């Protein structure tokens, strides 16, 4: 790409220099002083922060399940500037350049697919979950498409989404061709977020088990209880707003495998704080995690059985942080 062009022009008693990118004209008078090129300062990347649907702040008290929302920190989304070449500026522009982001401009989360097909147990929380994700999208500038139609898992359709969310899916929800398209989507850099029963899905698809995280499929759960959660990684956008240790009531999964060797764990359960049942996982019981996988990004949280959680700002911020990380717009 052509970065700068200098043209000398001689006029009586005046010498001029024209610089393109950006267009600028500088002239010197009779004293012969040379004009200097100006330094161009464009708009700062990032723009103004966009309000998030976050809630709650750090602290030592238990997580809120119901009640008045707690105002949390705003999370900046988007780029704060155009992602295309300015109109009318075709100097050095080549085919397709109009779709390339400007250097230094972060990617934006634009569109997610929420997939909630169930062929076994169907969670009552799916409806509230879709509504919560739509609310997060409206507040944070991204579109949400909800579907239970597996035919949408094809190359052309999946390419329209930054992240695919499996919202408490159960059993074998995709056929072989749809599975292959989803694998290509992840390998092309797509993002996946699994919520709760996403771990109770596609037991006969080994690739999915690795996307989920080390084959950590659902094994069993005890009755709904209040447990103590420990935040292991407070730097991730899905946990940065949470207190280091907090109590929460939900349905708590035991997994067939401990995912830790294959993923980065975000939170664990303190099994001494509840009765995990015969399939207790012991001192190391991961309950939310993330990892990069075959060119894409995968985030999973086992939270989300109870419909009430989807109006709890601590939980919805947890989901938002996971979605933003999976989309590659948050570190």
C-alpha atoms as a PDB file:
ATOM      1  CA  UNK A   1       0.000   0.000   0.000  1.00  0.00           C
ATOM      2  CA  UNK A   2       1.219   3.494  -0.853  1.00  0.00           C
ATOM      3  CA  UNK A   3       1.869   5.258   2.471  1.00  0.00           C
ATOM      4  CA  UNK A   4       3.047   8.769   1.426  1.00  0.00           C
ATOM      5  CA  UNK A   5       3.677  10.777  -1.717  1.00  0.00           C
ATOM      6  CA  UNK A   6       5.672  14.028  -1.782  1.00  0.00           C
ATOM      7  CA  UNK A   7       5.387  16.366  -4.743  1.00  0.00           C
ATOM      8  CA  UNK A   8       7.516  19.476  -5.094  1.00  0.00           C
ATOM      9  CA  UNK A   9       5.900  22.512  -6.705  1.00  0.00           C
ATOM     10  CA  UNK A  10       7.786  25.696  -7.644  1.00  0.00           C
ATOM     11  CA  UNK A  11       5.934  28.977  -7.653  1.00  0.00           C
ATOM     12  CA  UNK A  12       7.360  32.512  -7.673  1.00  0.00           C
ATOM     13  CA  UNK A  13       9.022  33.078  -4.290  1.00  0.00           C
ATOM     14  CA  UNK A  14       7.212  30.050  -2.872  1.00  0.00           C
ATOM     15  CA  UNK A  15       8.092  26.351  -2.687  1.00  0.00           C
ATOM     16  CA  UNK A  16       5.432  23.802  -1.767  1.00  0.00           C
ATOM     17  CA  UNK A  17       5.277  20.176  -0.735  1.00  0.00           C
ATOM     18  CA  UNK A  18       2.157  18.065  -1.112  1.00  0.00           C
ATOM     19  CA  UNK A  19       1.830  14.965   1.108  1.00  0.00           C
ATOM     20  CA  UNK A  20      -0.833  12.368   0.636  1.00  0.00           C
ATOM     21  CA  UNK A  21      -2.128  10.060   3.405  1.00  0.00           C
ATOM     22  CA  UNK A  22      -3.391  12.257   4.824  1.00  0.00           C
ATOM     23  CA  UNK A  23      -3.631  15.010   2.170  1.00  0.00           C
ATOM     24  CA  UNK A  24      -1.611  18.034   3.321  1.00  0.00           C
ATOM     25  CA  UNK A  25      -0.069  21.054   1.651  1.00  0.00           C
ATOM     26  CA  UNK A  26       2.860  22.918   3.099  1.00  0.00           C
ATOM     27  CA  UNK A  27       4.621  25.937   1.592  1.00  0.00           C
ATOM     28  CA  UNK A  28       7.677  28.010   2.444  1.00  0.00           C
ATOM     29  CA  UNK A  29       7.979  31.700   1.700  1.00  0.00           C
ATOM     30  CA  UNK A  30      10.874  33.844   0.628  1.00  0.00           C
ATOM     31  CA  UNK A  31      12.864  33.025   3.721  1.00  0.00           C
ATOM     32  CA  UNK A  32      13.414  29.516   2.342  1.00  0.00           C
ATOM     33  CA  UNK A  33      12.256  27.770   5.506  1.00  0.00           C
ATOM     34  CA  UNK A  34      11.388  24.137   4.876  1.00  0.00           C
ATOM     35  CA  UNK A  35       7.859  23.094   5.821  1.00  0.00           C
ATOM     36  CA  UNK A  36       7.608  20.134   8.206  1.00  0.00           C
ATOM     37  CA  UNK A  37       5.096  17.302   7.868  1.00  0.00           C
ATOM     38  CA  UNK A  38       2.405  17.371  10.580  1.00  0.00           C
ATOM     39  CA  UNK A  39       1.849  14.497  12.978  1.00  0.00           C
ATOM     40  CA  UNK A  40      -1.608  12.962  12.482  1.00  0.00           C
ATOM     41  CA  UNK A  41      -3.554  11.978  15.557  1.00  0.00           C
ATOM     42  CA  UNK A  42      -6.708   9.966  14.753  1.00  0.00           C
ATOM     43  CA  UNK A  43      -9.445   9.017  17.167  1.00  0.00           C
ATOM     44  CA  UNK A  44      -8.260   6.817  20.001  1.00  0.00           C
ATOM     45  CA  UNK A  45      -9.178   3.155  19.508  1.00  0.00           C
ATOM     46  CA  UNK A  46     -11.808   1.864  21.857  1.00  0.00           C
ATOM     47  CA  UNK A  47     -14.194   4.794  21.925  1.00  0.00           C
ATOM     48  CA  UNK A  48     -16.507   5.460  24.822  1.00  0.00           C
ATOM     49  CA  UNK A  49     -17.335   2.543  27.126  1.00  0.00           C
ATOM     50  CA  UNK A  50     -20.590   0.763  26.474  1.00  0.00           C
ATOM     51  CA  UNK A  51     -22.712  -0.048  29.483  1.00  0.00           C
ATOM     52  CA  UNK A  52     -22.673  -3.706  30.439  1.00  0.00           C
ATOM     53  CA  UNK A  53     -25.268  -5.836  32.139  1.00  0.00           C
ATOM     54  CA  UNK A  54     -22.788  -6.588  34.876  1.00  0.00           C
ATOM     55  CA  UNK A  55     -23.643  -6.482  38.501  1.00  0.00           C
ATOM     56  CA  UNK A  56     -22.008  -6.933  41.848  1.00  0.00           C
ATOM     57  CA  UNK A  57     -18.596  -5.977  42.968  1.00  0.00           C
ATOM     58  CA  UNK A  58     -15.779  -7.731  44.720  1.00  0.00           C
ATOM     59  CA  UNK A  59     -16.058  -8.499  48.368  1.00  0.00           C
ATOM     60  CA  UNK A  60     -16.380 -11.366  50.755  1.00  0.00           C
ATOM     61  CA  UNK A  61     -20.156 -11.839  51.022  1.00  0.00           C
ATOM     62  CA  UNK A  62     -22.205 -14.546  49.275  1.00  0.00           C
ATOM     63  CA  UNK A  63     -23.439 -14.022  45.705  1.00  0.00           C
ATOM     64  CA  UNK A  64     -26.848 -12.392  45.358  1.00  0.00           C
ATOM     65  CA  UNK A  65     -29.522 -14.579  43.807  1.00  0.00           C
ATOM     66  CA  UNK A  66     -32.453 -12.187  43.912  1.00  0.00           C
ATOM     67  CA  UNK A  67     -33.120  -8.571  44.772  1.00  0.00           C
ATOM     68  CA  UNK A  68     -32.162  -5.227  43.355  1.00  0.00           C
ATOM     69  CA  UNK A  69     -29.340  -5.342  40.770  1.00  0.00           C
ATOM     70  CA  UNK A  70     -25.970  -4.109  41.900  1.00  0.00           C
ATOM     71  CA  UNK A  71     -24.369  -1.649  39.536  1.00  0.00           C
ATOM     72  CA  UNK A  72     -21.062  -3.052  38.291  1.00  0.00           C
ATOM     73  CA  UNK A  73     -18.286  -1.628  36.166  1.00  0.00           C
ATOM     74  CA  UNK A  74     -18.915  -0.794  32.554  1.00  0.00           C
ATOM     75  CA  UNK A  75     -17.188  -2.941  29.950  1.00  0.00           C
ATOM     76  CA  UNK A  76     -16.042  -1.246  26.753  1.00  0.00           C
ATOM     77  CA  UNK A  77     -17.064  -3.104  23.631  1.00  0.00           C
ATOM     78  CA  UNK A  78     -16.556  -2.382  20.007  1.00  0.00           C
ATOM     79  CA  UNK A  79     -14.005  -0.282  18.263  1.00  0.00           C
ATOM     80  CA  UNK A  80     -14.952   3.365  18.714  1.00  0.00           C
ATOM     81  CA  UNK A  81     -14.052   4.007  15.090  1.00  0.00           C
ATOM     82  CA  UNK A  82     -14.655   2.732  11.596  1.00  0.00           C
ATOM     83  CA  UNK A  83     -13.334  -0.676  10.618  1.00  0.00           C
ATOM     84  CA  UNK A  84     -13.187   0.266   6.949  1.00  0.00           C
ATOM     85  CA  UNK A  85     -11.057   2.448   4.703  1.00  0.00           C
ATOM     86  CA  UNK A  86     -12.429   6.037   4.796  1.00  0.00           C
ATOM     87  CA  UNK A  87     -14.817   6.837   1.970  1.00  0.00           C
ATOM     88  CA  UNK A  88     -13.157   8.510  -0.981  1.00  0.00           C
ATOM     89  CA  UNK A  89      -9.647   7.538   0.101  1.00  0.00           C
ATOM     90  CA  UNK A  90      -8.561   4.982  -2.467  1.00  0.00           C
ATOM     91  CA  UNK A  91      -4.846   5.718  -2.351  1.00  0.00           C
ATOM     92  CA  UNK A  92      -3.106   2.370  -2.209  1.00  0.00           C
ATOM     93  CA  UNK A  93      -6.370   0.511  -1.615  1.00  0.00           C
ATOM     94  CA  UNK A  94      -6.502  -2.986  -3.024  1.00  0.00           C
ATOM     95  CA  UNK A  95      -9.283  -5.528  -3.455  1.00  0.00           C
ATOM     96  CA  UNK A  96     -10.928  -6.364  -0.145  1.00  0.00           C
ATOM     97  CA  UNK A  97      -9.122  -3.683   1.860  1.00  0.00           C
ATOM     98  CA  UNK A  98     -12.393  -2.029   2.694  1.00  0.00           C
ATOM     99  CA  UNK A  99     -13.198  -4.973   5.014  1.00  0.00           C
ATOM    100  CA  UNK A 100      -9.894  -5.019   6.895  1.00  0.00           C
ATOM    101  CA  UNK A 101      -9.743  -3.389  10.343  1.00  0.00           C
ATOM    102  CA  UNK A 102      -7.476  -0.425  10.846  1.00  0.00           C
ATOM    103  CA  UNK A 103      -4.225  -1.215  12.656  1.00  0.00           C
ATOM    104  CA  UNK A 104      -4.681  -1.039  16.404  1.00  0.00           C
ATOM    105  CA  UNK A 105      -8.491  -1.224  16.291  1.00  0.00           C
ATOM    106  CA  UNK A 106      -9.713  -4.190  18.393  1.00  0.00           C
ATOM    107  CA  UNK A 107     -12.277  -6.610  16.965  1.00  0.00           C
ATOM    108  CA  UNK A 108     -15.898  -6.143  17.931  1.00  0.00           C
ATOM    109  CA  UNK A 109     -18.447  -8.682  19.174  1.00  0.00           C
ATOM    110  CA  UNK A 110     -21.273  -8.362  16.661  1.00  0.00           C
ATOM    111  CA  UNK A 111     -23.436 -11.495  16.581  1.00  0.00           C
ATOM    112  CA  UNK A 112     -23.934 -14.724  18.521  1.00  0.00           C
ATOM    113  CA  UNK A 113     -25.995 -17.858  17.915  1.00  0.00           C
ATOM    114  CA  UNK A 114     -27.772 -19.350  20.926  1.00  0.00           C
ATOM    115  CA  UNK A 115     -28.488 -23.029  20.237  1.00  0.00           C
ATOM    116  CA  UNK A 116     -30.773 -24.793  22.722  1.00  0.00           C
ATOM    117  CA  UNK A 117     -31.952 -27.995  21.055  1.00  0.00           C
ATOM    118  CA  UNK A 118     -32.772 -30.809  23.475  1.00  0.00           C
ATOM    119  CA  UNK A 119     -33.426 -34.486  22.735  1.00  0.00           C
ATOM    120  CA  UNK A 120     -33.346 -35.605  26.367  1.00  0.00           C
ATOM    121  CA  UNK A 121     -34.039 -33.611  29.535  1.00  0.00           C
ATOM    122  CA  UNK A 122     -35.175 -30.044  28.845  1.00  0.00           C
ATOM    123  CA  UNK A 123     -34.241 -27.377  31.360  1.00  0.00           C
ATOM    124  CA  UNK A 124     -36.830 -24.865  32.477  1.00  0.00           C
ATOM    125  CA  UNK A 125     -34.077 -22.232  32.450  1.00  0.00           C
ATOM    126  CA  UNK A 126     -33.656 -22.249  28.657  1.00  0.00           C
ATOM    127  CA  UNK A 127     -36.325 -19.586  28.090  1.00  0.00           C
ATOM    128  CA  UNK A 128     -35.003 -17.250  30.793  1.00  0.00           C
ATOM    129  CA  UNK A 129     -31.486 -17.912  29.509  1.00  0.00           C
ATOM    130  CA  UNK A 130     -32.342 -16.785  25.984  1.00  0.00           C
ATOM    131  CA  UNK A 131     -34.029 -13.669  27.350  1.00  0.00           C
ATOM    132  CA  UNK A 132     -31.004 -12.877  29.519  1.00  0.00           C
ATOM    133  CA  UNK A 133     -28.644 -13.214  26.562  1.00  0.00           C
ATOM    134  CA  UNK A 134     -30.853 -10.953  24.447  1.00  0.00           C
ATOM    135  CA  UNK A 135     -30.773  -8.389  27.241  1.00  0.00           C
ATOM    136  CA  UNK A 136     -26.978  -8.614  27.375  1.00  0.00           C
ATOM    137  CA  UNK A 137     -26.806  -8.187  23.601  1.00  0.00           C
ATOM    138  CA  UNK A 138     -29.045  -5.102  23.642  1.00  0.00           C
ATOM    139  CA  UNK A 139     -26.975  -3.540  26.427  1.00  0.00           C
ATOM    140  CA  UNK A 140     -23.617  -4.343  24.863  1.00  0.00           C
ATOM    141  CA  UNK A 141     -24.118  -3.846  21.156  1.00  0.00           C
ATOM    142  CA  UNK A 142     -24.310  -7.376  19.737  1.00  0.00           C
ATOM    143  CA  UNK A 143     -27.105  -9.301  18.038  1.00  0.00           C
ATOM    144  CA  UNK A 144     -28.499 -12.536  19.461  1.00  0.00           C
ATOM    145  CA  UNK A 145     -30.115 -15.181  17.269  1.00  0.00           C
ATOM    146  CA  UNK A 146     -31.783 -18.047  19.140  1.00  0.00           C
ATOM    147  CA  UNK A 147     -32.453 -21.316  17.335  1.00  0.00           C
ATOM    148  CA  UNK A 148     -33.141 -25.005  17.887  1.00  0.00           C
ATOM    149  CA  UNK A 149     -32.781 -25.812  14.190  1.00  0.00           C
ATOM    150  CA  UNK A 150     -29.675 -27.962  13.544  1.00  0.00           C
ATOM    151  CA  UNK A 151     -29.727 -27.275   9.793  1.00  0.00           C
ATOM    152  CA  UNK A 152     -28.177 -23.894  10.613  1.00  0.00           C
ATOM    153  CA  UNK A 153     -24.912 -25.698  11.294  1.00  0.00           C
ATOM    154  CA  UNK A 154     -23.458 -25.224   7.837  1.00  0.00           C
ATOM    155  CA  UNK A 155     -20.428 -23.279   6.665  1.00  0.00           C
ATOM    156  CA  UNK A 156     -22.309 -20.306   5.227  1.00  0.00           C
ATOM    157  CA  UNK A 157     -24.580 -19.727   8.222  1.00  0.00           C
ATOM    158  CA  UNK A 158     -21.998 -20.313  10.964  1.00  0.00           C
ATOM    159  CA  UNK A 159     -19.647 -17.804   9.333  1.00  0.00           C
ATOM    160  CA  UNK A 160     -22.105 -15.055  10.333  1.00  0.00           C
ATOM    161  CA  UNK A 161     -21.503 -15.589  14.077  1.00  0.00           C
ATOM    162  CA  UNK A 162     -18.640 -14.646  16.366  1.00  0.00           C
ATOM    163  CA  UNK A 163     -19.714 -17.163  19.018  1.00  0.00           C
ATOM    164  CA  UNK A 164     -22.029 -20.173  19.192  1.00  0.00           C
ATOM    165  CA  UNK A 165     -23.611 -20.734  22.622  1.00  0.00           C
ATOM    166  CA  UNK A 166     -24.857 -24.208  23.557  1.00  0.00           C
ATOM    167  CA  UNK A 167     -27.484 -23.285  26.163  1.00  0.00           C
ATOM    168  CA  UNK A 168     -28.311 -26.469  28.128  1.00  0.00           C
ATOM    169  CA  UNK A 169     -28.467 -28.648  25.038  1.00  0.00           C
ATOM    170  CA  UNK A 170     -28.942 -32.373  25.680  1.00  0.00           C
ATOM    171  CA  UNK A 171     -28.202 -35.614  23.797  1.00  0.00           C
ATOM    172  CA  UNK A 172     -27.212 -35.865  20.110  1.00  0.00           C
ATOM    173  CA  UNK A 173     -28.252 -32.529  18.670  1.00  0.00           C
ATOM    174  CA  UNK A 174     -26.231 -32.521  15.409  1.00  0.00           C
ATOM    175  CA  UNK A 175     -25.838 -35.089  12.629  1.00  0.00           C
ATOM    176  CA  UNK A 176     -22.497 -36.014  11.060  1.00  0.00           C
ATOM    177  CA  UNK A 177     -22.538 -33.283   8.419  1.00  0.00           C
ATOM    178  CA  UNK A 178     -23.530 -30.610  10.921  1.00  0.00           C
ATOM    179  CA  UNK A 179     -20.803 -31.773  13.283  1.00  0.00           C
ATOM    180  CA  UNK A 180     -18.220 -31.499  10.488  1.00  0.00           C
ATOM    181  CA  UNK A 181     -19.365 -27.936   9.693  1.00  0.00           C
ATOM    182  CA  UNK A 182     -19.072 -26.957  13.352  1.00  0.00           C
ATOM    183  CA  UNK A 183     -15.573 -28.422  13.551  1.00  0.00           C
ATOM    184  CA  UNK A 184     -14.561 -26.310  10.547  1.00  0.00           C
ATOM    185  CA  UNK A 185     -16.094 -23.244  12.191  1.00  0.00           C
ATOM    186  CA  UNK A 186     -13.969 -23.695  15.326  1.00  0.00           C
ATOM    187  CA  UNK A 187     -10.817 -24.419  13.312  1.00  0.00           C
ATOM    188  CA  UNK A 188     -11.422 -21.188  11.371  1.00  0.00           C
ATOM    189  CA  UNK A 189     -11.271 -19.220  14.629  1.00  0.00           C
ATOM    190  CA  UNK A 190     -14.859 -19.421  15.883  1.00  0.00           C
ATOM    191  CA  UNK A 191     -15.860 -19.265  19.537  1.00  0.00           C
ATOM    192  CA  UNK A 192     -17.953 -21.679  21.607  1.00  0.00           C
ATOM    193  CA  UNK A 193     -19.653 -21.156  24.973  1.00  0.00           C
ATOM    194  CA  UNK A 194     -21.215 -24.093  26.795  1.00  0.00           C
ATOM    195  CA  UNK A 195     -23.722 -23.487  29.573  1.00  0.00           C
ATOM    196  CA  UNK A 196     -24.723 -26.125  32.157  1.00  0.00           C
ATOM    197  CA  UNK A 197     -26.165 -29.129  30.248  1.00  0.00           C
ATOM    198  CA  UNK A 198     -23.889 -28.474  27.281  1.00  0.00           C
ATOM    199  CA  UNK A 199     -21.815 -31.083  29.156  1.00  0.00           C
ATOM    200  CA  UNK A 200     -24.774 -33.510  28.815  1.00  0.00           C
ATOM    201  CA  UNK A 201     -24.524 -33.407  25.036  1.00  0.00           C
ATOM    202  CA  UNK A 202     -22.961 -35.451  22.186  1.00  0.00           C
ATOM    203  CA  UNK A 203     -21.415 -38.286  24.194  1.00  0.00           C
ATOM    204  CA  UNK A 204     -20.600 -40.177  20.979  1.00  0.00           C
ATOM    205  CA  UNK A 205     -18.675 -37.296  19.368  1.00  0.00           C
ATOM    206  CA  UNK A 206     -15.129 -37.431  20.801  1.00  0.00           C
ATOM    207  CA  UNK A 207     -14.140 -34.093  19.230  1.00  0.00           C
ATOM    208  CA  UNK A 208     -16.936 -32.380  21.141  1.00  0.00           C
ATOM    209  CA  UNK A 209     -15.686 -33.871  24.386  1.00  0.00           C
ATOM    210  CA  UNK A 210     -12.305 -32.266  23.760  1.00  0.00           C
ATOM    211  CA  UNK A 211     -13.927 -28.942  22.832  1.00  0.00           C
ATOM    212  CA  UNK A 212     -15.849 -29.135  26.098  1.00  0.00           C
ATOM    213  CA  UNK A 213     -12.578 -29.803  27.882  1.00  0.00           C
ATOM    214  CA  UNK A 214     -10.735 -33.096  28.346  1.00  0.00           C
ATOM    215  CA  UNK A 215     -13.854 -35.238  27.962  1.00  0.00           C
ATOM    216  CA  UNK A 216     -15.494 -33.667  31.027  1.00  0.00           C
ATOM    217  CA  UNK A 217     -18.981 -34.900  30.195  1.00  0.00           C
ATOM    218  CA  UNK A 218     -21.734 -34.841  32.804  1.00  0.00           C
ATOM    219  CA  UNK A 219     -21.792 -37.864  35.121  1.00  0.00           C
ATOM    220  CA  UNK A 220     -24.270 -37.109  37.902  1.00  0.00           C
ATOM    221  CA  UNK A 221     -25.558 -34.439  40.257  1.00  0.00           C
ATOM    222  CA  UNK A 222     -26.927 -34.407  43.797  1.00  0.00           C
ATOM    223  CA  UNK A 223     -29.975 -32.425  44.843  1.00  0.00           C
ATOM    224  CA  UNK A 224     -29.863 -28.630  44.495  1.00  0.00           C
ATOM    225  CA  UNK A 225     -27.750 -27.158  47.279  1.00  0.00           C
ATOM    226  CA  UNK A 226     -25.943 -24.002  48.307  1.00  0.00           C
ATOM    227  CA  UNK A 227     -22.197 -24.498  47.980  1.00  0.00           C
ATOM    228  CA  UNK A 228     -19.032 -22.465  48.396  1.00  0.00           C
ATOM    229  CA  UNK A 229     -17.275 -21.563  45.145  1.00  0.00           C
ATOM    230  CA  UNK A 230     -13.623 -20.576  44.959  1.00  0.00           C
ATOM    231  CA  UNK A 231     -12.400 -18.271  42.179  1.00  0.00           C
ATOM    232  CA  UNK A 232      -9.078 -19.612  40.944  1.00  0.00           C
ATOM    233  CA  UNK A 233      -8.458 -17.097  38.143  1.00  0.00           C
ATOM    234  CA  UNK A 234      -9.690 -13.582  38.919  1.00  0.00           C
ATOM    235  CA  UNK A 235      -8.072 -12.015  35.837  1.00  0.00           C
ATOM    236  CA  UNK A 236     -10.507 -13.532  33.330  1.00  0.00           C
ATOM    237  CA  UNK A 237     -13.470 -11.383  32.197  1.00  0.00           C
ATOM    238  CA  UNK A 238     -15.879 -14.116  33.341  1.00  0.00           C
ATOM    239  CA  UNK A 239     -14.649 -13.964  36.946  1.00  0.00           C
ATOM    240  CA  UNK A 240     -13.025 -10.547  37.433  1.00  0.00           C
ATOM    241  CA  UNK A 241     -16.239  -9.161  38.971  1.00  0.00           C
ATOM    242  CA  UNK A 242     -16.680 -12.010  41.466  1.00  0.00           C
ATOM    243  CA  UNK A 243     -15.508 -12.176  45.087  1.00  0.00           C
ATOM    244  CA  UNK A 244     -12.708 -14.661  45.705  1.00  0.00           C
ATOM    245  CA  UNK A 245     -15.038 -17.016  47.563  1.00  0.00           C
ATOM    246  CA  UNK A 246     -18.837 -16.933  47.543  1.00  0.00           C
ATOM    247  CA  UNK A 247     -21.899 -19.079  48.181  1.00  0.00           C
ATOM    248  CA  UNK A 248     -24.396 -19.947  45.457  1.00  0.00           C
ATOM    249  CA  UNK A 249     -27.390 -22.255  45.131  1.00  0.00           C
ATOM    250  CA  UNK A 250     -27.676 -24.342  41.969  1.00  0.00           C
ATOM    251  CA  UNK A 251     -27.505 -27.885  40.643  1.00  0.00           C
ATOM    252  CA  UNK A 252     -23.844 -28.984  40.796  1.00  0.00           C
ATOM    253  CA  UNK A 253     -22.445 -31.410  38.246  1.00  0.00           C
ATOM    254  CA  UNK A 254     -19.952 -34.192  38.833  1.00  0.00           C
ATOM    255  CA  UNK A 255     -18.007 -34.904  35.638  1.00  0.00           C
ATOM    256  CA  UNK A 256     -16.732 -38.084  34.012  1.00  0.00           C
ATOM    257  CA  UNK A 257     -13.230 -36.590  33.784  1.00  0.00           C
ATOM    258  CA  UNK A 258     -11.418 -33.777  35.543  1.00  0.00           C
ATOM    259  CA  UNK A 259     -10.809 -31.230  32.735  1.00  0.00           C
ATOM    260  CA  UNK A 260      -7.834 -29.552  34.430  1.00  0.00           C
ATOM    261  CA  UNK A 261      -5.065 -31.162  32.329  1.00  0.00           C
ATOM    262  CA  UNK A 262      -6.657 -29.782  29.137  1.00  0.00           C
ATOM    263  CA  UNK A 263      -8.017 -26.385  30.213  1.00  0.00           C
ATOM    264  CA  UNK A 264      -7.479 -23.328  32.398  1.00  0.00           C
ATOM    265  CA  UNK A 265      -9.757 -23.579  35.414  1.00  0.00           C
ATOM    266  CA  UNK A 266     -11.669 -20.470  36.517  1.00  0.00           C
ATOM    267  CA  UNK A 267     -13.657 -21.704  39.521  1.00  0.00           C
ATOM    268  CA  UNK A 268     -13.902 -24.799  41.695  1.00  0.00           C
ATOM    269  CA  UNK A 269     -16.384 -26.171  44.215  1.00  0.00           C
ATOM    270  CA  UNK A 270     -15.504 -26.710  47.839  1.00  0.00           C
ATOM    271  CA  UNK A 271     -16.938 -30.198  48.316  1.00  0.00           C
ATOM    272  CA  UNK A 272     -16.711 -29.833  52.094  1.00  0.00           C
ATOM    273  CA  UNK A 273     -19.471 -27.204  51.875  1.00  0.00           C
ATOM    274  CA  UNK A 274     -22.148 -29.582  50.476  1.00  0.00           C
ATOM    275  CA  UNK A 275     -22.977 -33.227  49.800  1.00  0.00           C
ATOM    276  CA  UNK A 276     -21.685 -34.047  46.287  1.00  0.00           C
ATOM    277  CA  UNK A 277     -22.958 -37.623  46.260  1.00  0.00           C
ATOM    278  CA  UNK A 278     -21.334 -40.902  45.285  1.00  0.00           C
ATOM    279  CA  UNK A 279     -19.494 -39.381  42.308  1.00  0.00           C
ATOM    280  CA  UNK A 280     -17.701 -36.698  44.318  1.00  0.00           C
ATOM    281  CA  UNK A 281     -14.579 -35.411  42.576  1.00  0.00           C
ATOM    282  CA  UNK A 282     -12.634 -34.697  45.764  1.00  0.00           C
ATOM    283  CA  UNK A 283     -10.334 -31.801  46.495  1.00  0.00           C
ATOM    284  CA  UNK A 284     -10.236 -30.605  42.875  1.00  0.00           C
ATOM    285  CA  UNK A 285     -13.724 -30.030  41.456  1.00  0.00           C
ATOM    286  CA  UNK A 286     -13.601 -27.546  38.529  1.00  0.00           C
ATOM    287  CA  UNK A 287     -16.933 -25.945  37.701  1.00  0.00           C
ATOM    288  CA  UNK A 288     -16.009 -23.313  35.049  1.00  0.00           C
ATOM    289  CA  UNK A 289     -13.060 -23.183  32.654  1.00  0.00           C
ATOM    290  CA  UNK A 290     -11.733 -22.036  29.270  1.00  0.00           C
ATOM    291  CA  UNK A 291      -9.138 -23.024  26.676  1.00  0.00           C
ATOM    292  CA  UNK A 292      -7.987 -22.374  23.139  1.00  0.00           C
ATOM    293  CA  UNK A 293      -8.805 -25.337  20.932  1.00  0.00           C
ATOM    294  CA  UNK A 294      -7.801 -26.134  17.332  1.00  0.00           C
ATOM    295  CA  UNK A 295      -7.698 -22.470  16.311  1.00  0.00           C
ATOM    296  CA  UNK A 296     -10.845 -21.414  18.184  1.00  0.00           C
ATOM    297  CA  UNK A 297     -11.812 -20.598  21.773  1.00  0.00           C
ATOM    298  CA  UNK A 298     -14.022 -22.578  24.167  1.00  0.00           C
ATOM    299  CA  UNK A 299     -15.557 -21.507  27.482  1.00  0.00           C
ATOM    300  CA  UNK A 300     -17.730 -23.682  29.716  1.00  0.00           C
ATOM    301  CA  UNK A 301     -19.646 -23.004  32.909  1.00  0.00           C
ATOM    302  CA  UNK A 302     -21.681 -25.634  34.750  1.00  0.00           C
ATOM    303  CA  UNK A 303     -23.718 -22.910  36.444  1.00  0.00           C
ATOM    304  CA  UNK A 304     -27.166 -22.126  35.072  1.00  0.00           C
ATOM    305  CA  UNK A 305     -29.674 -24.805  36.083  1.00  0.00           C
ATOM    306  CA  UNK A 306     -31.953 -22.521  38.087  1.00  0.00           C
ATOM    307  CA  UNK A 307     -34.043 -19.993  36.099  1.00  0.00           C
ATOM    308  CA  UNK A 308     -33.522 -17.416  38.845  1.00  0.00           C
ATOM    309  CA  UNK A 309     -29.829 -17.203  38.046  1.00  0.00           C
ATOM    310  CA  UNK A 310     -30.537 -15.531  34.710  1.00  0.00           C
ATOM    311  CA  UNK A 311     -31.733 -12.399  36.502  1.00  0.00           C
ATOM    312  CA  UNK A 312     -28.739 -12.376  38.867  1.00  0.00           C
ATOM    313  CA  UNK A 313     -26.174  -9.805  37.657  1.00  0.00           C
ATOM    314  CA  UNK A 314     -23.294 -11.832  39.088  1.00  0.00           C
ATOM    315  CA  UNK A 315     -24.221 -14.770  36.866  1.00  0.00           C
ATOM    316  CA  UNK A 316     -25.154 -12.816  33.742  1.00  0.00           C
ATOM    317  CA  UNK A 317     -21.837 -10.927  33.941  1.00  0.00           C
ATOM    318  CA  UNK A 318     -20.140 -14.330  34.204  1.00  0.00           C
ATOM    319  CA  UNK A 319     -21.835 -15.343  30.948  1.00  0.00           C
ATOM    320  CA  UNK A 320     -21.007 -12.046  29.238  1.00  0.00           C
ATOM    321  CA  UNK A 321     -17.342 -12.338  30.159  1.00  0.00           C
ATOM    322  CA  UNK A 322     -17.193 -15.864  28.777  1.00  0.00           C
ATOM    323  CA  UNK A 323     -18.872 -14.824  25.523  1.00  0.00           C
ATOM    324  CA  UNK A 324     -16.535 -11.854  25.062  1.00  0.00           C
ATOM    325  CA  UNK A 325     -13.491 -14.021  25.692  1.00  0.00           C
ATOM    326  CA  UNK A 326     -14.702 -16.701  23.253  1.00  0.00           C
ATOM    327  CA  UNK A 327     -15.229 -13.977  20.628  1.00  0.00           C
ATOM    328  CA  UNK A 328     -11.656 -12.779  21.067  1.00  0.00           C
ATOM    329  CA  UNK A 329     -12.656  -9.259  22.136  1.00  0.00           C
ATOM    330  CA  UNK A 330     -11.466  -9.654  25.738  1.00  0.00           C
ATOM    331  CA  UNK A 331      -8.098 -11.012  26.917  1.00  0.00           C
END
